[in-house]
Amino acid sequence: MGGDRAPGMVVDGASIARKRFPDVRYLLFGDEARIAPLLESTPGLKGCCEIRHTKDFVSNQDKPSAALRTGRQSSMRLAINAVDAGEAAGVVSAGNTGALMTMAKIVLRTVPGIDRPAIASYFPTLRGESIMLDLGANIVCDAANLVQFAVMGEVFARTVFGVVKPSIGLLNVGSEEQKGHEEVRAAAAELRSTDLPISFHGFVEGNDITAGTVDVVVTDGFTGNIALKTAEGTAKLYSEFLRGAFHSSLVARIGYLFARHALNKVRKRTDPRRYNGAMFLGLNGIVIKSHGGTDALGFANAIGVAVDMAANDFNTRIRDEIAHLHAGAAAAKPPQAVSG
């Protein structure tokens, strides 16, 4: 029931995703009176869907604390409960981000060794794709949080992207070792000394994100969210400038006819729907946040992210890597003196 055009967009997205994942089944949580007619009009999807009726849903205006307190029978909460109960491999929602994170953290809890979950998403780059986290879940982070984000991002790039040895960079105000605040420098020192098979590049700057300098960009949620929104705004600005330029004269319109094929390739490469589906990493369950304003194609891609994470047993790999990290840290501590 979440998103600007739900539930139609959600059902249509599942229908598109079914072509790529014919063996996936869906639990649809929401108002059956609104969902059932949509399934009747998509008979190919109806056979692999089960509707779980509830009239309650979380609105975009609801505060996370209020949604947690009063939304126990909401479509969002019941969907998360299904993951916790093992009925579903993951949940995909286009609803209220804060409420989704709060409910998921309370119900699913974090993976042992992870202090805070992080929001992660894809970025198109000159070299292909990278993953960036955190994008807004944690405004203030200490060094341990950043190291945990690095481990989660590295596992994702390795298991889902298929990168053999992903490179990791800490987003900073400069590439020099002395730059940045204490938490970033401390995280860098720990990543350099860890015995995990991590390829730590060092510090990266804002222009390195789209350059594809590293496969995993790690930062706190305050900086990451600003970087994300800046990138989205820049892409929209560039698109508007380009559209205006091609409508500025008759010659420009003729030029567009010749350049149309190339421009369509660029449009597809930078289409935000292609990268829809932010991941809440660090939870005992797969939770994917779709952009509320996306369409069916974008929601289908968010479903694809959830399926890929489930197929690659992502959370088990996270648990193993984090356990290894903490075991190494414990072994590195000097023995405590014993008085007698």
C-alpha atoms as a PDB file:
ATOM      1  CA  MET A   1       0.000   0.000   0.000  1.00  0.00           C
ATOM      2  CA  GLY A   2       3.054   2.286   0.002  1.00  0.00           C
ATOM      3  CA  GLY A   3       4.063   4.630  -2.795  1.00  0.00           C
ATOM      4  CA  ASP A   4       2.447   7.406  -4.788  1.00  0.00           C
ATOM      5  CA  ARG A   5       0.592   5.018  -7.107  1.00  0.00           C
ATOM      6  CA  ALA A   6      -0.037   1.996  -4.907  1.00  0.00           C
ATOM      7  CA  PRO A   7      -1.356  -0.618  -5.007  1.00  0.00           C
ATOM      8  CA  GLY A   8      -1.520  -0.623  -8.815  1.00  0.00           C
ATOM      9  CA  MET A   9       2.170   0.166  -9.213  1.00  0.00           C
ATOM     10  CA  VAL A  10       3.102  -2.650  -6.829  1.00  0.00           C
ATOM     11  CA  VAL A  11       1.004  -5.266  -8.618  1.00  0.00           C
ATOM     12  CA  ASP A  12       2.242  -4.144 -12.040  1.00  0.00           C
ATOM     13  CA  GLY A  13       5.820  -4.235 -10.737  1.00  0.00           C
ATOM     14  CA  ALA A  14       5.379  -7.801  -9.516  1.00  0.00           C
ATOM     15  CA  SER A  15       3.973  -8.708 -12.936  1.00  0.00           C
ATOM     16  CA  ILE A  16       7.086  -7.320 -14.650  1.00  0.00           C
ATOM     17  CA  ALA A  17       9.398  -9.029 -12.137  1.00  0.00           C
ATOM     18  CA  ARG A  18       7.660 -12.360 -12.743  1.00  0.00           C
ATOM     19  CA  LYS A  19       9.093 -12.458 -16.266  1.00  0.00           C
ATOM     20  CA  ARG A  20      12.619 -12.386 -14.836  1.00  0.00           C
ATOM     21  CA  PHE A  21      11.855 -14.533 -11.769  1.00  0.00           C
ATOM     22  CA  PRO A  22       9.108 -16.990 -12.770  1.00  0.00           C
ATOM     23  CA  ASP A  23       9.587 -19.138  -9.636  1.00  0.00           C
ATOM     24  CA  VAL A  24       9.114 -16.336  -7.105  1.00  0.00           C
ATOM     25  CA  ARG A  25       5.837 -16.160  -5.182  1.00  0.00           C
ATOM     26  CA  TYR A  26       4.399 -13.065  -3.512  1.00  0.00           C
ATOM     27  CA  LEU A  27       2.496 -12.197  -0.372  1.00  0.00           C
ATOM     28  CA  LEU A  28       0.604  -8.951  -0.952  1.00  0.00           C
ATOM     29  CA  PHE A  29      -0.342  -7.107   2.234  1.00  0.00           C
ATOM     30  CA  GLY A  30      -3.103  -4.519   2.053  1.00  0.00           C
ATOM     31  CA  ASP A  31      -6.736  -3.829   1.256  1.00  0.00           C
ATOM     32  CA  GLU A  32      -8.067  -6.908  -0.550  1.00  0.00           C
ATOM     33  CA  ALA A  33     -10.932  -4.916  -2.068  1.00  0.00           C
ATOM     34  CA  ARG A  34      -8.386  -2.802  -3.938  1.00  0.00           C
ATOM     35  CA  ILE A  35      -5.797  -5.496  -4.676  1.00  0.00           C
ATOM     36  CA  ALA A  36      -7.991  -8.386  -5.860  1.00  0.00           C
ATOM     37  CA  PRO A  37      -9.388  -6.594  -8.959  1.00  0.00           C
ATOM     38  CA  LEU A  38      -5.835  -5.720  -9.993  1.00  0.00           C
ATOM     39  CA  LEU A  39      -4.827  -9.378  -9.847  1.00  0.00           C
ATOM     40  CA  GLU A  40      -7.895 -10.370 -11.835  1.00  0.00           C
ATOM     41  CA  SER A  41      -6.667  -8.138 -14.654  1.00  0.00           C
ATOM     42  CA  THR A  42      -3.212  -9.814 -14.598  1.00  0.00           C
ATOM     43  CA  PRO A  43      -4.066 -13.531 -14.636  1.00  0.00           C
ATOM     44  CA  GLY A  44      -0.452 -14.570 -15.152  1.00  0.00           C
ATOM     45  CA  LEU A  45       0.397 -13.075 -11.776  1.00  0.00           C
ATOM     46  CA  LYS A  46      -2.667 -14.197  -9.856  1.00  0.00           C
ATOM     47  CA  GLY A  47      -1.509 -17.796  -9.535  1.00  0.00           C
ATOM     48  CA  CYS A  48       1.684 -16.874  -7.695  1.00  0.00           C
ATOM     49  CA  CYS A  49       0.200 -14.304  -5.284  1.00  0.00           C
ATOM     50  CA  GLU A  50      -1.570 -14.530  -1.948  1.00  0.00           C
ATOM     51  CA  ILE A  51      -3.377 -11.514  -0.516  1.00  0.00           C
ATOM     52  CA  ARG A  52      -3.104 -10.888   3.240  1.00  0.00           C
ATOM     53  CA  HIS A  53      -5.926  -8.478   3.980  1.00  0.00           C
ATOM     54  CA  THR A  54      -5.611  -5.454   6.218  1.00  0.00           C
ATOM     55  CA  LYS A  55      -7.174  -2.032   5.940  1.00  0.00           C
ATOM     56  CA  ASP A  56      -4.469  -0.385   8.031  1.00  0.00           C
ATOM     57  CA  PHE A  57      -1.453   1.167   6.371  1.00  0.00           C
ATOM     58  CA  VAL A  58       1.340   3.608   7.243  1.00  0.00           C
ATOM     59  CA  SER A  59       1.119   6.971   5.504  1.00  0.00           C
ATOM     60  CA  ASN A  60       4.095   9.076   4.445  1.00  0.00           C
ATOM     61  CA  GLN A  61       3.089  11.660   7.061  1.00  0.00           C
ATOM     62  CA  ASP A  62       3.220   9.207   9.978  1.00  0.00           C
ATOM     63  CA  LYS A  63       6.138   9.619  12.353  1.00  0.00           C
ATOM     64  CA  PRO A  64       8.162   6.397  12.825  1.00  0.00           C
ATOM     65  CA  SER A  65       7.397   6.305  16.569  1.00  0.00           C
ATOM     66  CA  ALA A  66       3.657   6.651  15.929  1.00  0.00           C
ATOM     67  CA  ALA A  67       3.730   4.011  13.183  1.00  0.00           C
ATOM     68  CA  LEU A  68       5.542   1.630  15.515  1.00  0.00           C
ATOM     69  CA  ARG A  69       3.039   2.234  18.312  1.00  0.00           C
ATOM     70  CA  THR A  70      -0.223   2.165  16.366  1.00  0.00           C
ATOM     71  CA  GLY A  71       0.640   0.262  13.180  1.00  0.00           C
ATOM     72  CA  ARG A  72       0.804  -3.304  14.452  1.00  0.00           C
ATOM     73  CA  GLN A  73      -1.871  -4.357  11.934  1.00  0.00           C
ATOM     74  CA  SER A  74      -0.595  -2.170   9.091  1.00  0.00           C
ATOM     75  CA  SER A  75       0.400  -3.690   5.769  1.00  0.00           C
ATOM     76  CA  MET A  76       4.022  -2.666   6.405  1.00  0.00           C
ATOM     77  CA  ARG A  77       4.228  -4.286   9.839  1.00  0.00           C
ATOM     78  CA  LEU A  78       2.527  -7.494   8.749  1.00  0.00           C
ATOM     79  CA  ALA A  79       4.886  -7.800   5.767  1.00  0.00           C
ATOM     80  CA  ILE A  80       7.908  -7.431   8.057  1.00  0.00           C
ATOM     81  CA  ASN A  81       6.386  -9.950  10.477  1.00  0.00           C
ATOM     82  CA  ALA A  82       6.152 -12.444   7.602  1.00  0.00           C
ATOM     83  CA  VAL A  83       9.915 -12.179   7.081  1.00  0.00           C
ATOM     84  CA  ASP A  84      10.546 -12.636  10.804  1.00  0.00           C
ATOM     85  CA  ALA A  85       8.301 -15.717  10.829  1.00  0.00           C
ATOM     86  CA  GLY A  86      10.106 -17.238   7.844  1.00  0.00           C
ATOM     87  CA  GLU A  87       7.071 -17.012   5.583  1.00  0.00           C
ATOM     88  CA  ALA A  88       8.887 -14.653   3.204  1.00  0.00           C
ATOM     89  CA  ALA A  89      12.527 -14.291   2.177  1.00  0.00           C
ATOM     90  CA  GLY A  90      12.318 -10.499   2.151  1.00  0.00           C
ATOM     91  CA  VAL A  91      10.049  -7.468   2.127  1.00  0.00           C
ATOM     92  CA  VAL A  92       9.866  -4.744  -0.534  1.00  0.00           C
ATOM     93  CA  SER A  93       8.055  -1.519   0.301  1.00  0.00           C
ATOM     94  CA  ALA A  94       7.634   1.885  -1.324  1.00  0.00           C
ATOM     95  CA  GLY A  95       6.221   3.337   1.881  1.00  0.00           C
ATOM     96  CA  ASN A  96       7.447   5.599   4.681  1.00  0.00           C
ATOM     97  CA  THR A  97      11.245   5.141   4.949  1.00  0.00           C
ATOM     98  CA  GLY A  98      11.557   6.058   8.617  1.00  0.00           C
ATOM     99  CA  ALA A  99       8.684   3.798   9.638  1.00  0.00           C
ATOM    100  CA  LEU A 100      10.047   0.915   7.566  1.00  0.00           C
ATOM    101  CA  MET A 101      13.506   1.194   9.141  1.00  0.00           C
ATOM    102  CA  THR A 102      12.130   1.537  12.679  1.00  0.00           C
ATOM    103  CA  MET A 103       9.732  -1.385  12.364  1.00  0.00           C
ATOM    104  CA  ALA A 104      12.283  -3.610  10.639  1.00  0.00           C
ATOM    105  CA  LYS A 105      14.926  -2.908  13.274  1.00  0.00           C
ATOM    106  CA  ILE A 106      12.520  -3.699  16.120  1.00  0.00           C
ATOM    107  CA  VAL A 107      11.009  -6.824  14.555  1.00  0.00           C
ATOM    108  CA  LEU A 108      13.997  -8.331  12.747  1.00  0.00           C
ATOM    109  CA  ARG A 109      16.786  -6.969  14.957  1.00  0.00           C
ATOM    110  CA  THR A 110      20.356  -6.515  13.758  1.00  0.00           C
ATOM    111  CA  VAL A 111      22.818  -9.231  12.825  1.00  0.00           C
ATOM    112  CA  PRO A 112      25.038 -10.137  15.826  1.00  0.00           C
ATOM    113  CA  GLY A 113      28.027  -7.803  15.776  1.00  0.00           C
ATOM    114  CA  ILE A 114      26.232  -5.057  13.829  1.00  0.00           C
ATOM    115  CA  ASP A 115      25.410  -2.056  15.996  1.00  0.00           C
ATOM    116  CA  ARG A 116      23.281  -0.200  13.430  1.00  0.00           C
ATOM    117  CA  PRO A 117      21.734  -1.111  10.079  1.00  0.00           C
ATOM    118  CA  ALA A 118      22.690   1.031   7.089  1.00  0.00           C
ATOM    119  CA  ILE A 119      20.835   2.124   3.966  1.00  0.00           C
ATOM    120  CA  ALA A 120      22.750   1.193   0.823  1.00  0.00           C
ATOM    121  CA  SER A 121      22.093   1.675  -2.873  1.00  0.00           C
ATOM    122  CA  TYR A 122      23.647   1.350  -6.311  1.00  0.00           C
ATOM    123  CA  PHE A 123      25.379   4.185  -8.137  1.00  0.00           C
ATOM    124  CA  PRO A 124      26.125   4.231 -11.883  1.00  0.00           C
ATOM    125  CA  THR A 125      29.792   5.009 -12.506  1.00  0.00           C
ATOM    126  CA  LEU A 126      32.198   5.351 -15.406  1.00  0.00           C
ATOM    127  CA  ARG A 127      33.445   1.836 -14.624  1.00  0.00           C
ATOM    128  CA  GLY A 128      30.058   0.188 -14.126  1.00  0.00           C
ATOM    129  CA  GLU A 129      28.315   0.243 -10.743  1.00  0.00           C
ATOM    130  CA  SER A 130      29.288   0.860  -7.144  1.00  0.00           C
ATOM    131  CA  ILE A 131      27.477   0.563  -3.826  1.00  0.00           C
ATOM    132  CA  MET A 132      27.322   3.397  -1.295  1.00  0.00           C
ATOM    133  CA  LEU A 133      26.331   3.323   2.374  1.00  0.00           C
ATOM    134  CA  ASP A 134      25.021   4.784   4.664  1.00  0.00           C
ATOM    135  CA  LEU A 135      22.464   6.941   2.837  1.00  0.00           C
ATOM    136  CA  GLY A 136      20.516   8.312   5.771  1.00  0.00           C
ATOM    137  CA  ALA A 137      19.837   5.756   8.503  1.00  0.00           C
ATOM    138  CA  ASN A 138      22.582   7.008  10.836  1.00  0.00           C
ATOM    139  CA  ILE A 139      23.302  10.725  10.985  1.00  0.00           C
ATOM    140  CA  VAL A 140      26.244  10.326  13.380  1.00  0.00           C
ATOM    141  CA  CYS A 141      28.592   7.324  13.157  1.00  0.00           C
ATOM    142  CA  ASP A 142      31.669   6.254  15.075  1.00  0.00           C
ATOM    143  CA  ALA A 143      34.642   4.358  13.658  1.00  0.00           C
ATOM    144  CA  ALA A 144      33.174   0.934  14.513  1.00  0.00           C
ATOM    145  CA  ASN A 145      29.977   1.752  12.591  1.00  0.00           C
ATOM    146  CA  LEU A 146      31.960   2.775   9.504  1.00  0.00           C
ATOM    147  CA  VAL A 147      34.049  -0.403   9.630  1.00  0.00           C
ATOM    148  CA  GLN A 148      30.893  -2.516   9.887  1.00  0.00           C
ATOM    149  CA  PHE A 149      29.404  -0.634   6.906  1.00  0.00           C
ATOM    150  CA  ALA A 150      32.585  -1.373   4.950  1.00  0.00           C
ATOM    151  CA  VAL A 151      32.311  -5.102   5.668  1.00  0.00           C
ATOM    152  CA  MET A 152      28.624  -5.208   4.655  1.00  0.00           C
ATOM    153  CA  GLY A 153      29.283  -3.241   1.475  1.00  0.00           C
ATOM    154  CA  GLU A 154      32.214  -5.466   0.562  1.00  0.00           C
ATOM    155  CA  VAL A 155      30.145  -8.615   1.008  1.00  0.00           C
ATOM    156  CA  PHE A 156      27.361  -7.159  -1.141  1.00  0.00           C
ATOM    157  CA  ALA A 157      29.739  -6.184  -3.948  1.00  0.00           C
ATOM    158  CA  ARG A 158      31.319  -9.621  -3.864  1.00  0.00           C
ATOM    159  CA  THR A 159      28.145 -11.708  -3.683  1.00  0.00           C
ATOM    160  CA  VAL A 160      25.671  -9.647  -5.716  1.00  0.00           C
ATOM    161  CA  PHE A 161      27.906  -7.639  -8.084  1.00  0.00           C
ATOM    162  CA  GLY A 162      30.237 -10.613  -8.547  1.00  0.00           C
ATOM    163  CA  VAL A 163      33.396  -8.551  -7.955  1.00  0.00           C
ATOM    164  CA  VAL A 164      36.145 -10.959  -6.881  1.00  0.00           C
ATOM    165  CA  LYS A 165      37.939  -8.507  -4.569  1.00  0.00           C
ATOM    166  CA  PRO A 166      35.947  -5.283  -4.173  1.00  0.00           C
ATOM    167  CA  SER A 167      37.802  -2.100  -3.316  1.00  0.00           C
ATOM    168  CA  ILE A 168      36.573   0.043  -0.435  1.00  0.00           C
ATOM    169  CA  GLY A 169      36.900   3.787   0.044  1.00  0.00           C
ATOM    170  CA  LEU A 170      35.960   6.059   2.940  1.00  0.00           C
ATOM    171  CA  LEU A 171      34.313   9.277   1.749  1.00  0.00           C
ATOM    172  CA  ASN A 172      36.316  12.220   3.058  1.00  0.00           C
ATOM    173  CA  VAL A 173      37.200  15.861   2.401  1.00  0.00           C
ATOM    174  CA  GLY A 174      40.539  14.831   0.886  1.00  0.00           C
ATOM    175  CA  SER A 175      42.604  11.776   0.031  1.00  0.00           C
ATOM    176  CA  GLU A 176      45.467  12.571   2.403  1.00  0.00           C
ATOM    177  CA  GLU A 177      45.723  10.423   5.550  1.00  0.00           C
ATOM    178  CA  GLN A 178      45.594  13.398   7.910  1.00  0.00           C
ATOM    179  CA  LYS A 179      42.324  14.732   6.440  1.00  0.00           C
ATOM    180  CA  GLY A 180      38.887  14.302   7.993  1.00  0.00           C
ATOM    181  CA  HIS A 181      37.488  13.974  11.496  1.00  0.00           C
ATOM    182  CA  GLU A 182      38.712  11.541  14.110  1.00  0.00           C
ATOM    183  CA  GLU A 183      36.085   8.838  13.446  1.00  0.00           C
ATOM    184  CA  VAL A 184      36.954   8.604   9.743  1.00  0.00           C
ATOM    185  CA  ARG A 185      40.690   8.439  10.438  1.00  0.00           C
ATOM    186  CA  ALA A 186      40.171   5.770  13.107  1.00  0.00           C
ATOM    187  CA  ALA A 187      38.016   3.692  10.744  1.00  0.00           C
ATOM    188  CA  ALA A 188      40.695   3.962   8.053  1.00  0.00           C
ATOM    189  CA  ALA A 189      43.360   2.759  10.488  1.00  0.00           C
ATOM    190  CA  GLU A 190      41.253  -0.269  11.441  1.00  0.00           C
ATOM    191  CA  LEU A 191      40.500  -1.160   7.820  1.00  0.00           C
ATOM    192  CA  ARG A 192      44.205  -0.987   6.982  1.00  0.00           C
ATOM    193  CA  SER A 193      45.096  -3.358   9.816  1.00  0.00           C
ATOM    194  CA  THR A 194      42.230  -5.877   9.608  1.00  0.00           C
ATOM    195  CA  ASP A 195      43.033  -9.476   8.763  1.00  0.00           C
ATOM    196  CA  LEU A 196      39.871  -9.756   6.677  1.00  0.00           C
ATOM    197  CA  PRO A 197      40.575 -10.138   2.930  1.00  0.00           C
ATOM    198  CA  ILE A 198      39.496  -6.539   2.305  1.00  0.00           C
ATOM    199  CA  SER A 199      41.012  -4.311  -0.385  1.00  0.00           C
ATOM    200  CA  PHE A 200      41.008  -0.920   1.325  1.00  0.00           C
ATOM    201  CA  HIS A 201      41.746   1.867  -1.146  1.00  0.00           C
ATOM    202  CA  GLY A 202      41.839   4.672   1.409  1.00  0.00           C
ATOM    203  CA  PHE A 203      40.009   7.985   1.380  1.00  0.00           C
ATOM    204  CA  VAL A 204      37.935   9.046  -1.625  1.00  0.00           C
ATOM    205  CA  GLU A 205      36.298  12.361  -2.457  1.00  0.00           C
ATOM    206  CA  GLY A 206      32.902  13.256  -3.913  1.00  0.00           C
ATOM    207  CA  ASN A 207      34.069  13.134  -7.532  1.00  0.00           C
ATOM    208  CA  ASP A 208      35.359   9.586  -6.992  1.00  0.00           C
ATOM    209  CA  ILE A 209      31.799   8.306  -6.475  1.00  0.00           C
ATOM    210  CA  THR A 210      30.737   8.589 -10.121  1.00  0.00           C
ATOM    211  CA  ALA A 211      34.268   7.981 -11.400  1.00  0.00           C
ATOM    212  CA  GLY A 212      34.062   4.455 -10.004  1.00  0.00           C
ATOM    213  CA  THR A 213      37.355   4.803  -8.156  1.00  0.00           C
ATOM    214  CA  VAL A 214      36.180   2.133  -5.686  1.00  0.00           C
ATOM    215  CA  ASP A 215      33.464  -0.521  -5.657  1.00  0.00           C
ATOM    216  CA  VAL A 216      32.205   0.397  -2.175  1.00  0.00           C
ATOM    217  CA  VAL A 217      31.866   3.961  -0.854  1.00  0.00           C
ATOM    218  CA  VAL A 218      31.461   4.189   2.928  1.00  0.00           C
ATOM    219  CA  THR A 219      30.237   7.245   4.814  1.00  0.00           C
ATOM    220  CA  ASP A 220      27.892   8.356   7.576  1.00  0.00           C
ATOM    221  CA  GLY A 221      24.191   8.814   6.834  1.00  0.00           C
ATOM    222  CA  PHE A 222      24.302  12.613   6.955  1.00  0.00           C
ATOM    223  CA  THR A 223      26.979  12.911   4.274  1.00  0.00           C
ATOM    224  CA  GLY A 224      25.670   9.984   2.257  1.00  0.00           C
ATOM    225  CA  ASN A 225      22.131  11.324   2.027  1.00  0.00           C
ATOM    226  CA  ILE A 226      23.368  14.733   0.897  1.00  0.00           C
ATOM    227  CA  ALA A 227      25.600  13.088  -1.729  1.00  0.00           C
ATOM    228  CA  LEU A 228      22.692  10.969  -2.971  1.00  0.00           C
ATOM    229  CA  LYS A 229      20.253  13.875  -3.247  1.00  0.00           C
ATOM    230  CA  THR A 230      22.916  16.044  -4.905  1.00  0.00           C
ATOM    231  CA  ALA A 231      23.581  13.342  -7.500  1.00  0.00           C
ATOM    232  CA  GLU A 232      19.850  12.920  -8.192  1.00  0.00           C
ATOM    233  CA  GLY A 233      19.386  16.668  -8.514  1.00  0.00           C
ATOM    234  CA  THR A 234      22.386  17.043 -10.811  1.00  0.00           C
ATOM    235  CA  ALA A 235      21.115  14.287 -13.093  1.00  0.00           C
ATOM    236  CA  LYS A 236      17.697  15.960 -13.277  1.00  0.00           C
ATOM    237  CA  LEU A 237      19.292  19.359 -13.942  1.00  0.00           C
ATOM    238  CA  TYR A 238      21.444  17.949 -16.730  1.00  0.00           C
ATOM    239  CA  SER A 239      18.406  16.273 -18.284  1.00  0.00           C
ATOM    240  CA  GLU A 240      16.452  19.533 -18.240  1.00  0.00           C
ATOM    241  CA  PHE A 241      19.368  21.468 -19.730  1.00  0.00           C
ATOM    242  CA  LEU A 242      19.700  18.882 -22.499  1.00  0.00           C
ATOM    243  CA  ARG A 243      15.980  18.928 -23.244  1.00  0.00           C
ATOM    244  CA  GLY A 244      15.969  22.720 -23.398  1.00  0.00           C
ATOM    245  CA  ALA A 245      18.989  22.791 -25.697  1.00  0.00           C
ATOM    246  CA  PHE A 246      17.384  20.416 -28.209  1.00  0.00           C
ATOM    247  CA  HIS A 247      14.210  22.515 -28.267  1.00  0.00           C
ATOM    248  CA  SER A 248      16.005  25.827 -28.623  1.00  0.00           C
ATOM    249  CA  SER A 249      15.985  26.001 -32.434  1.00  0.00           C
ATOM    250  CA  LEU A 250      15.055  24.171 -35.615  1.00  0.00           C
ATOM    251  CA  VAL A 251      18.686  23.165 -36.162  1.00  0.00           C
ATOM    252  CA  ALA A 252      18.824  21.747 -32.629  1.00  0.00           C
ATOM    253  CA  ARG A 253      15.661  19.710 -33.261  1.00  0.00           C
ATOM    254  CA  ILE A 254      17.180  18.291 -36.443  1.00  0.00           C
ATOM    255  CA  GLY A 255      20.363  17.521 -34.523  1.00  0.00           C
ATOM    256  CA  TYR A 256      18.310  15.608 -31.979  1.00  0.00           C
ATOM    257  CA  LEU A 257      16.977  13.320 -34.728  1.00  0.00           C
ATOM    258  CA  PHE A 258      20.555  12.299 -35.551  1.00  0.00           C
ATOM    259  CA  ALA A 259      21.611  11.979 -31.903  1.00  0.00           C
ATOM    260  CA  ARG A 260      18.437  10.273 -30.673  1.00  0.00           C
ATOM    261  CA  HIS A 261      19.834   6.739 -30.614  1.00  0.00           C
ATOM    262  CA  ALA A 262      22.906   7.757 -28.610  1.00  0.00           C
ATOM    263  CA  LEU A 263      20.825   9.863 -26.229  1.00  0.00           C
ATOM    264  CA  ASN A 264      18.484   6.949 -25.595  1.00  0.00           C
ATOM    265  CA  LYS A 265      21.477   4.819 -24.590  1.00  0.00           C
ATOM    266  CA  VAL A 266      22.540   7.503 -22.116  1.00  0.00           C
ATOM    267  CA  ARG A 267      18.991   7.800 -20.787  1.00  0.00           C
ATOM    268  CA  LYS A 268      18.758   4.068 -20.163  1.00  0.00           C
ATOM    269  CA  ARG A 269      22.182   4.014 -18.498  1.00  0.00           C
ATOM    270  CA  THR A 270      21.216   6.777 -16.057  1.00  0.00           C
ATOM    271  CA  ASP A 271      17.533   5.891 -15.605  1.00  0.00           C
ATOM    272  CA  PRO A 272      16.902   6.061 -11.820  1.00  0.00           C
ATOM    273  CA  ARG A 273      14.390   3.229 -12.111  1.00  0.00           C
ATOM    274  CA  ARG A 274      17.263   0.948 -13.020  1.00  0.00           C
ATOM    275  CA  TYR A 275      18.888   1.611  -9.632  1.00  0.00           C
ATOM    276  CA  ASN A 276      15.694   1.616  -7.577  1.00  0.00           C
ATOM    277  CA  GLY A 277      15.732  -0.426  -4.410  1.00  0.00           C
ATOM    278  CA  ALA A 278      17.727   0.790  -1.402  1.00  0.00           C
ATOM    279  CA  MET A 279      18.831  -2.004   0.922  1.00  0.00           C
ATOM    280  CA  PHE A 280      18.657  -1.983   4.718  1.00  0.00           C
ATOM    281  CA  LEU A 281      21.842  -3.895   5.422  1.00  0.00           C
ATOM    282  CA  GLY A 282      22.656  -5.413   8.808  1.00  0.00           C
ATOM    283  CA  LEU A 283      19.200  -6.767   9.695  1.00  0.00           C
ATOM    284  CA  ASN A 284      18.187 -10.396  10.252  1.00  0.00           C
ATOM    285  CA  GLY A 285      16.119 -10.324   7.099  1.00  0.00           C
ATOM    286  CA  ILE A 286      16.047  -8.725   3.685  1.00  0.00           C
ATOM    287  CA  VAL A 287      14.352  -5.324   3.592  1.00  0.00           C
ATOM    288  CA  ILE A 288      14.268  -3.266   0.389  1.00  0.00           C
ATOM    289  CA  LYS A 289      12.991   0.311   0.199  1.00  0.00           C
ATOM    290  CA  SER A 290      11.630   1.354  -3.177  1.00  0.00           C
ATOM    291  CA  HIS A 291      11.357   5.024  -4.072  1.00  0.00           C
ATOM    292  CA  GLY A 292       7.796   6.122  -3.372  1.00  0.00           C
ATOM    293  CA  GLY A 293       7.509   7.961  -6.671  1.00  0.00           C
ATOM    294  CA  THR A 294       8.729   5.139  -8.907  1.00  0.00           C
ATOM    295  CA  ASP A 295       6.639   3.311 -11.491  1.00  0.00           C
ATOM    296  CA  ALA A 296       6.070  -0.397 -12.080  1.00  0.00           C
ATOM    297  CA  LEU A 297       9.444  -0.898 -13.788  1.00  0.00           C
ATOM    298  CA  GLY A 298      11.269   0.709 -10.898  1.00  0.00           C
ATOM    299  CA  PHE A 299       9.389  -1.409  -8.369  1.00  0.00           C
ATOM    300  CA  ALA A 300      10.179  -4.534 -10.391  1.00  0.00           C
ATOM    301  CA  ASN A 301      13.870  -3.669 -10.107  1.00  0.00           C
ATOM    302  CA  ALA A 302      13.487  -3.279  -6.337  1.00  0.00           C
ATOM    303  CA  ILE A 303      11.988  -6.775  -6.233  1.00  0.00           C
ATOM    304  CA  GLY A 304      14.994  -7.943  -8.239  1.00  0.00           C
ATOM    305  CA  VAL A 305      17.355  -6.597  -5.581  1.00  0.00           C
ATOM    306  CA  ALA A 306      15.531  -8.599  -2.904  1.00  0.00           C
ATOM    307  CA  VAL A 307      15.599 -11.769  -4.991  1.00  0.00           C
ATOM    308  CA  ASP A 308      19.317 -11.393  -5.731  1.00  0.00           C
ATOM    309  CA  MET A 309      20.137 -10.936  -2.048  1.00  0.00           C
ATOM    310  CA  ALA A 310      18.079 -13.975  -1.077  1.00  0.00           C
ATOM    311  CA  ALA A 311      19.555 -16.111  -3.862  1.00  0.00           C
ATOM    312  CA  ASN A 312      23.095 -15.215  -2.758  1.00  0.00           C
ATOM    313  CA  ASP A 313      22.353 -15.949   0.930  1.00  0.00           C
ATOM    314  CA  PHE A 314      23.561 -12.461   1.696  1.00  0.00           C
ATOM    315  CA  ASN A 315      22.754 -12.323   5.406  1.00  0.00           C
ATOM    316  CA  THR A 316      24.595 -15.557   6.185  1.00  0.00           C
ATOM    317  CA  ARG A 317      27.689 -14.141   4.541  1.00  0.00           C
ATOM    318  CA  ILE A 318      27.337 -10.941   6.546  1.00  0.00           C
ATOM    319  CA  ARG A 319      27.148 -12.927   9.795  1.00  0.00           C
ATOM    320  CA  ASP A 320      30.275 -14.887   8.895  1.00  0.00           C
ATOM    321  CA  GLU A 321      32.322 -11.817   7.956  1.00  0.00           C
ATOM    322  CA  ILE A 322      31.241  -9.808  11.017  1.00  0.00           C
ATOM    323  CA  ALA A 323      32.005 -12.758  13.315  1.00  0.00           C
ATOM    324  CA  HIS A 324      35.455 -12.988  11.731  1.00  0.00           C
ATOM    325  CA  LEU A 325      35.981  -9.258  12.215  1.00  0.00           C
ATOM    326  CA  HIS A 326      35.106  -9.391  15.906  1.00  0.00           C
ATOM    327  CA  ALA A 327      37.167 -12.523  16.483  1.00  0.00           C
ATOM    328  CA  GLY A 328      40.189 -10.792  14.960  1.00  0.00           C
ATOM    329  CA  ALA A 329      39.625  -7.691  17.075  1.00  0.00           C
ATOM    330  CA  ALA A 330      39.391  -9.783  20.246  1.00  0.00           C
ATOM    331  CA  ALA A 331      42.588 -11.668  19.419  1.00  0.00           C
ATOM    332  CA  ALA A 332      44.421  -8.398  18.815  1.00  0.00           C
ATOM    333  CA  LYS A 333      43.631  -7.027  22.291  1.00  0.00           C
ATOM    334  CA  PRO A 334      46.523  -7.302  24.760  1.00  0.00           C
ATOM    335  CA  PRO A 335      45.912  -9.680  27.672  1.00  0.00           C
ATOM    336  CA  GLN A 336      44.587  -8.086  30.843  1.00  0.00           C
ATOM    337  CA  ALA A 337      46.909  -7.898  33.819  1.00  0.00           C
ATOM    338  CA  VAL A 338      45.866 -10.036  36.779  1.00  0.00           C
ATOM    339  CA  SER A 339      46.553  -8.817  40.269  1.00  0.00           C
ATOM    340  CA  GLY A 340      47.137 -11.254  43.092  1.00  0.00           C
END
